[in-house]
Amino acid sequence: MALSLPRLSTYLDAQDIRPPSLTQALELYLWNSQVSAALMTPISLCEVVIRNAVDDALRALHGPSWPWEVGFYLSLPPKGRDTLEKARKGQLTTGKVIAELSFGFWENMFVRAFDDALWNPYLSTVLPHLPPSMTVQQARGHLRQELDKLRRLRNRIAHHEPLLTLDVEQVIKDIEALISYRCTDTAAWMLQTNNLAELVMSRPR
C-alpha cells in the first residue's frame, strides 16, 4: 500500500468498528477525495464572482487601469503592494492582472481601511443583494469573515486534508449566499451544477 499509515490513520480512527477495516478506511479516503474535488468548483466560482465585484468597485474609483494607478497602489499595505507588483509584472491588461491575484488579495480588499473611499460608495452597487439590515461596515466585515473561512477551506483541500467533520451542506449554503449577494441566478446555477448533496448522502458508514 503506497498510502502511509499516518495518512490513513484519520480514516481508520473514524470507524465505529474495532479493529478498524482497511477496506472501509480506503472507501472513506476515496469519498473524502471526491468531496474535496467537488467543492473546488463552487469555491472557484465564488472567488470569480467576488473578484469581479471588487474589480467593478475599483474601476469606479480608480478607472479601468486600476492595477497601475498610483493612488490604489499606495492605499495597499506592504504585502498587498508586493502581491500587486508580482501580478502585474509582464501583464498588459487589467484582466490578466486580475487572473494573477490571489484569493487572499481579494479577501484583504474587505478590510476597514477601504471603507471610506471604496465600500461606502460602491458596496451596495457591486453586491446589490446584501441584507438591507446590514450597514456597509457590517456587510463588509461579514464578507471578509466568510471569505477567510472559504480561503482556509480551499487551502485544506489543496493540502489533501481530511474533511470528515466538515458540514458540507453549510459550506454550500455559505457559498450560495456569497454568490447571491451579486447575482441570484448564478447562485442558483451553482446549486444545480454540483453533486455535493449526493456525495454527502453516499458517505461510507
Protein backbone atom coordinates (compact mmCIF):
# COMPACT_ATOMS: atom_id res chain seq x y z
CA MET A 1 0.00 0.00 0.00
CA ALA A 2 1.56 3.26 -1.17
CA LEU A 3 -0.57 5.34 1.24
CA SER A 4 1.21 5.72 4.55
CA LEU A 5 -0.28 4.70 7.89
CA PRO A 6 -0.25 8.32 9.17
CA ARG A 7 -2.21 9.33 6.05
CA LEU A 8 -4.80 6.60 6.66
CA SER A 9 -4.94 6.85 10.44
CA THR A 10 -7.68 9.51 10.41
CA TYR A 11 -9.87 7.27 8.25
CA LEU A 12 -9.18 4.23 10.43
CA ASP A 13 -9.97 6.17 13.60
CA ALA A 14 -13.24 7.49 12.11
CA GLN A 15 -14.74 4.00 12.05
CA ASP A 16 -17.06 2.66 14.74
CA ILE A 17 -15.81 -0.90 14.40
CA ARG A 18 -12.78 -2.31 16.21
CA PRO A 19 -10.41 -3.34 14.87
CA PRO A 20 -10.97 -0.86 12.03
CA SER A 21 -11.19 -2.08 8.46
CA LEU A 22 -8.56 -1.04 5.94
CA THR A 23 -11.10 -1.52 3.15
CA GLN A 24 -13.54 0.85 4.80
CA ALA A 25 -10.74 3.33 5.50
CA LEU A 26 -9.89 3.38 1.80
CA GLU A 27 -13.54 3.86 0.88
CA LEU A 28 -13.72 6.82 3.26
CA TYR A 29 -10.45 8.19 1.88
CA LEU A 30 -11.87 8.00 -1.66
CA TRP A 31 -15.10 9.67 -0.55
CA ASN A 32 -13.11 12.48 1.09
CA SER A 33 -11.19 13.00 -2.17
CA GLN A 34 -14.43 13.15 -4.16
CA VAL A 35 -15.95 15.72 -1.81
CA SER A 36 -12.76 17.78 -1.92
CA ALA A 37 -12.77 17.79 -5.72
CA ALA A 38 -16.48 18.63 -5.88
CA LEU A 39 -16.06 21.57 -3.52
CA MET A 40 -13.40 23.23 -5.64
CA THR A 41 -15.82 24.23 -8.42
CA PRO A 42 -18.23 26.27 -6.24
CA ILE A 43 -15.29 27.74 -4.31
CA SER A 44 -13.62 28.83 -7.56
CA LEU A 45 -16.88 30.23 -8.88
CA CYS A 46 -17.36 32.21 -5.69
CA GLU A 47 -13.84 33.64 -5.97
CA VAL A 48 -14.50 34.76 -9.55
CA VAL A 49 -17.81 36.37 -8.61
CA ILE A 50 -16.30 38.26 -5.67
CA ARG A 51 -13.22 39.40 -7.56
CA ASN A 52 -15.45 40.69 -10.36
CA ALA A 53 -17.37 42.69 -7.77
CA VAL A 54 -14.14 44.17 -6.39
CA ASP A 55 -12.96 44.89 -9.93
CA ASP A 56 -16.16 46.83 -10.63
CA ALA A 57 -15.69 48.89 -7.48
CA LEU A 58 -12.04 49.60 -8.24
CA ARG A 59 -12.88 50.60 -11.82
CA ALA A 60 -15.48 53.03 -10.50
CA LEU A 61 -12.96 54.57 -8.08
CA HIS A 62 -9.66 54.37 -9.97
CA GLY A 63 -10.60 53.74 -13.60
CA PRO A 64 -10.18 50.65 -15.81
CA SER A 65 -6.41 50.58 -15.35
CA TRP A 66 -6.59 50.47 -11.56
CA PRO A 67 -3.71 47.96 -11.15
CA TRP A 68 -1.33 50.68 -12.36
CA GLU A 69 -2.93 53.63 -10.56
CA VAL A 70 -0.53 55.11 -8.01
CA GLY A 71 -3.37 56.08 -5.68
CA PHE A 72 -4.58 52.49 -5.46
CA TYR A 73 -1.08 51.11 -5.06
CA LEU A 74 -0.37 53.47 -2.18
CA SER A 75 -3.65 52.53 -0.47
CA LEU A 76 -2.45 48.94 -0.09
CA PRO A 77 -0.43 47.63 2.86
CA PRO A 78 3.15 46.48 2.06
CA LYS A 79 2.15 42.85 1.49
CA GLY A 80 -0.66 43.91 -0.84
CA ARG A 81 1.74 46.10 -2.81
CA ASP A 82 4.14 43.18 -3.24
CA THR A 83 1.31 40.94 -4.40
CA LEU A 84 0.09 43.52 -6.90
CA GLU A 85 3.58 44.16 -8.26
CA LYS A 86 4.10 40.43 -8.88
CA ALA A 87 0.68 40.07 -10.50
CA ARG A 88 1.10 42.94 -12.92
CA LYS A 89 4.68 42.04 -13.93
CA GLY A 90 4.70 41.44 -17.67
CA GLN A 91 0.94 41.92 -17.95
CA LEU A 92 -0.66 44.49 -20.24
CA THR A 93 -4.34 44.33 -19.30
CA THR A 94 -6.33 44.59 -16.11
CA GLY A 95 -7.98 41.24 -16.82
CA LYS A 96 -4.62 39.48 -16.93
CA VAL A 97 -3.62 41.06 -13.62
CA ILE A 98 -6.90 40.02 -12.02
CA ALA A 99 -6.26 36.40 -13.01
CA GLU A 100 -2.86 36.50 -11.30
CA LEU A 101 -4.05 37.91 -7.98
CA SER A 102 -4.60 35.50 -5.11
CA PHE A 103 -7.74 34.72 -3.15
CA GLY A 104 -6.06 36.38 -0.17
CA PHE A 105 -5.67 39.63 -2.09
CA TRP A 106 -9.41 39.82 -2.78
CA GLU A 107 -10.24 38.88 0.81
CA ASN A 108 -7.99 41.66 2.08
CA MET A 109 -9.83 44.22 -0.01
CA PHE A 110 -12.63 43.87 2.55
CA VAL A 111 -10.74 45.47 5.43
CA ARG A 112 -11.86 48.60 7.25
CA ALA A 113 -9.19 50.76 5.60
CA PHE A 114 -11.12 50.73 2.32
CA ASP A 115 -14.50 51.70 3.79
CA ASP A 116 -14.41 55.44 3.17
CA ALA A 117 -13.08 55.52 -0.38
CA LEU A 118 -14.32 52.21 -1.78
CA TRP A 119 -17.06 50.45 0.13
CA ASN A 120 -19.21 53.27 1.47
CA PRO A 121 -19.93 54.47 -2.08
CA TYR A 122 -19.77 51.21 -4.03
CA LEU A 123 -20.50 48.11 -1.91
CA SER A 124 -24.26 48.10 -2.48
CA THR A 125 -23.72 48.75 -6.19
CA VAL A 126 -21.40 45.82 -6.88
CA LEU A 127 -23.17 43.47 -4.42
CA PRO A 128 -26.79 44.63 -4.73
CA HIS A 129 -28.38 41.75 -2.81
CA LEU A 130 -26.63 42.18 0.53
CA PRO A 131 -29.01 42.07 3.51
CA PRO A 132 -30.57 45.55 3.73
CA SER A 133 -30.50 45.37 7.52
CA MET A 134 -26.69 45.46 7.50
CA THR A 135 -24.68 48.66 7.46
CA VAL A 136 -21.85 48.91 4.96
CA GLN A 137 -19.36 48.21 7.72
CA GLN A 138 -21.28 45.17 8.95
CA ALA A 139 -21.68 43.78 5.44
CA ARG A 140 -18.04 44.35 4.57
CA GLY A 141 -16.94 42.67 7.82
CA HIS A 142 -19.26 39.75 7.16
CA LEU A 143 -17.83 39.33 3.67
CA ARG A 144 -14.27 39.33 4.97
CA GLN A 145 -15.13 36.72 7.59
CA GLU A 146 -16.86 34.44 5.09
CA LEU A 147 -14.07 34.78 2.52
CA ASP A 148 -11.49 33.96 5.19
CA LYS A 149 -13.37 30.74 6.02
CA LEU A 150 -13.57 29.84 2.35
CA ARG A 151 -9.89 30.53 1.71
CA ARG A 152 -8.90 28.37 4.68
CA LEU A 153 -11.09 25.56 3.40
CA ARG A 154 -9.58 25.81 -0.06
CA ASN A 155 -6.11 25.57 1.49
CA ARG A 156 -7.15 22.47 3.44
CA ILE A 157 -8.37 20.88 0.23
CA ALA A 158 -5.16 21.83 -1.60
CA HIS A 159 -3.14 20.09 1.12
CA HIS A 160 -5.31 16.94 0.93
CA GLU A 161 -6.53 17.29 4.50
CA PRO A 162 -9.47 15.22 5.77
CA LEU A 163 -12.88 16.91 5.64
CA LEU A 164 -14.67 14.26 7.69
CA THR A 165 -16.02 16.72 10.25
CA LEU A 166 -16.87 19.43 7.73
CA ASP A 167 -20.51 20.44 7.45
CA VAL A 168 -20.58 20.33 3.65
CA GLU A 169 -24.21 21.40 3.43
CA GLN A 170 -23.47 24.53 5.47
CA VAL A 171 -20.46 25.33 3.29
CA ILE A 172 -22.64 25.22 0.19
CA LYS A 173 -25.21 27.48 1.86
CA ASP A 174 -22.44 29.94 2.70
CA ILE A 175 -21.10 29.89 -0.86
CA GLU A 176 -24.62 30.30 -2.23
CA ALA A 177 -25.11 33.36 -0.03
CA LEU A 178 -21.84 34.96 -1.13
CA ILE A 179 -22.60 34.45 -4.81
CA SER A 180 -26.22 35.57 -4.46
CA TYR A 181 -25.12 38.91 -2.99
CA ARG A 182 -24.03 39.72 -6.54
CA CYS A 183 -26.29 37.51 -8.69
CA THR A 184 -29.06 35.18 -7.55
CA ASP A 185 -29.19 33.46 -10.96
CA THR A 186 -25.52 32.50 -10.70
CA ALA A 187 -26.08 31.19 -7.17
CA ALA A 188 -28.98 29.05 -8.40
CA TRP A 189 -26.84 27.73 -11.26
CA MET A 190 -24.10 26.78 -8.81
CA LEU A 191 -26.59 24.73 -6.79
CA GLN A 192 -27.91 22.99 -9.90
CA THR A 193 -24.49 22.03 -11.25
CA ASN A 194 -22.81 20.28 -8.33
CA ASN A 195 -23.35 16.82 -6.87
CA LEU A 196 -22.37 17.56 -3.29
CA ALA A 197 -25.76 16.66 -1.87
CA GLU A 198 -25.49 13.19 -3.40
CA LEU A 199 -21.92 12.81 -2.16
CA VAL A 200 -22.92 13.70 1.39
CA MET A 201 -25.63 11.04 1.27
CA SER A 202 -23.20 8.47 -0.11
CA ARG A 203 -20.64 8.78 2.70
CA PRO A 204 -19.42 5.31 3.69
CA ARG A 205 -20.78 4.24 7.08
